[in-house]
Every structure is written in C-alpha cells, then in structure tokens.
Amino acid sequence: MTPSLNNPEKYMNGLSTYNEWYSIENDYINSERSVLNARMNEIIYDAAWKNILGISQ
C-alpha cells in the first residue's frame, strides 16, 4: 500500500498531524515525479541515440 492511500485515513482519524500528512504526501508525489522524469529522459535519450545512428522507426 502506498503512503498516499493510507495516510489520509490516519489524518482524518486524528492519528497524524497535518504536517506529517503533508510531508508524506509531498514525498510520495516527488518520488512519482522523479520516476516520470526518468522515463521521459530515457525516451528522449533513446530517440536521440537512434537519430545519431540513423535508425528510423
């Protein structure tokens, strides 16, 4: 289970503070952005490499 799914329940039930909730959510969002950026860079660099080699798709 991702922190994003369990964390709101804890916050709504008073088991975590707003700052704890925000920090966990923010960390989760940033990690997801990092994964997406890495995938995007992989696609861009792969396309550039294929362009250098003259490989068409």
Protein backbone atom coordinates (compact mmCIF):
# COMPACT_ATOMS: atom_id res chain seq x y z
CA MET A 1 0.00 0.00 0.00
CA THR A 2 1.37 3.40 -0.91
CA PRO A 3 1.67 6.04 1.78
CA SER A 4 -0.73 8.14 -0.23
CA LEU A 5 -3.56 5.64 0.23
CA ASN A 6 -3.21 5.00 3.97
CA ASN A 7 -2.13 8.47 5.07
CA PRO A 8 -5.44 10.36 4.61
CA GLU A 9 -7.23 7.84 6.82
CA LYS A 10 -4.73 8.41 9.63
CA TYR A 11 -5.05 12.17 9.25
CA MET A 12 -8.87 12.10 9.22
CA ASN A 13 -8.88 9.88 12.32
CA GLY A 14 -6.51 12.21 14.16
CA LEU A 15 -3.63 9.72 14.16
CA SER A 16 -1.26 12.04 12.32
CA THR A 17 -0.79 15.79 12.17
CA TYR A 18 -1.29 17.95 9.11
CA ASN A 19 2.47 18.43 8.81
CA GLU A 20 3.07 14.66 8.88
CA TRP A 21 0.34 14.13 6.29
CA TYR A 22 1.65 16.89 4.05
CA SER A 23 5.24 15.67 4.29
CA ILE A 24 4.33 12.09 3.40
CA GLU A 25 2.10 13.16 0.51
CA ASN A 26 4.71 15.59 -0.79
CA ASP A 27 7.46 12.94 -0.64
CA TYR A 28 5.24 10.48 -2.48
CA ILE A 29 4.37 12.99 -5.20
CA ASN A 30 8.01 13.98 -5.63
CA SER A 31 9.09 10.35 -5.96
CA GLU A 32 6.41 9.75 -8.60
CA ARG A 33 7.59 12.85 -10.49
CA SER A 34 11.16 11.56 -10.36
CA VAL A 35 10.09 8.25 -11.88
CA LEU A 36 8.17 10.01 -14.65
CA ASN A 37 11.09 12.34 -15.38
CA ALA A 38 13.47 9.37 -15.56
CA ARG A 39 11.16 7.59 -18.01
CA MET A 40 10.81 10.74 -20.10
CA ASN A 41 14.59 11.22 -20.21
CA GLU A 42 15.05 7.59 -21.23
CA ILE A 43 12.69 8.07 -24.18
CA ILE A 44 14.35 11.34 -25.22
CA TYR A 45 17.89 9.92 -25.00
CA ASP A 46 16.87 6.75 -26.81
CA ALA A 47 15.36 8.80 -29.63
CA ALA A 48 18.46 11.00 -29.81
CA TRP A 49 20.71 7.92 -29.93
CA LYS A 50 18.63 6.37 -32.71
CA ASN A 51 18.77 9.68 -34.57
CA ILE A 52 22.58 9.71 -34.31
CA LEU A 53 22.75 6.14 -35.60
CA GLY A 54 20.32 6.95 -38.40
CA ILE A 55 17.78 4.39 -37.26
CA SER A 56 14.24 5.24 -38.28
CA GLN A 57 11.24 3.87 -36.51
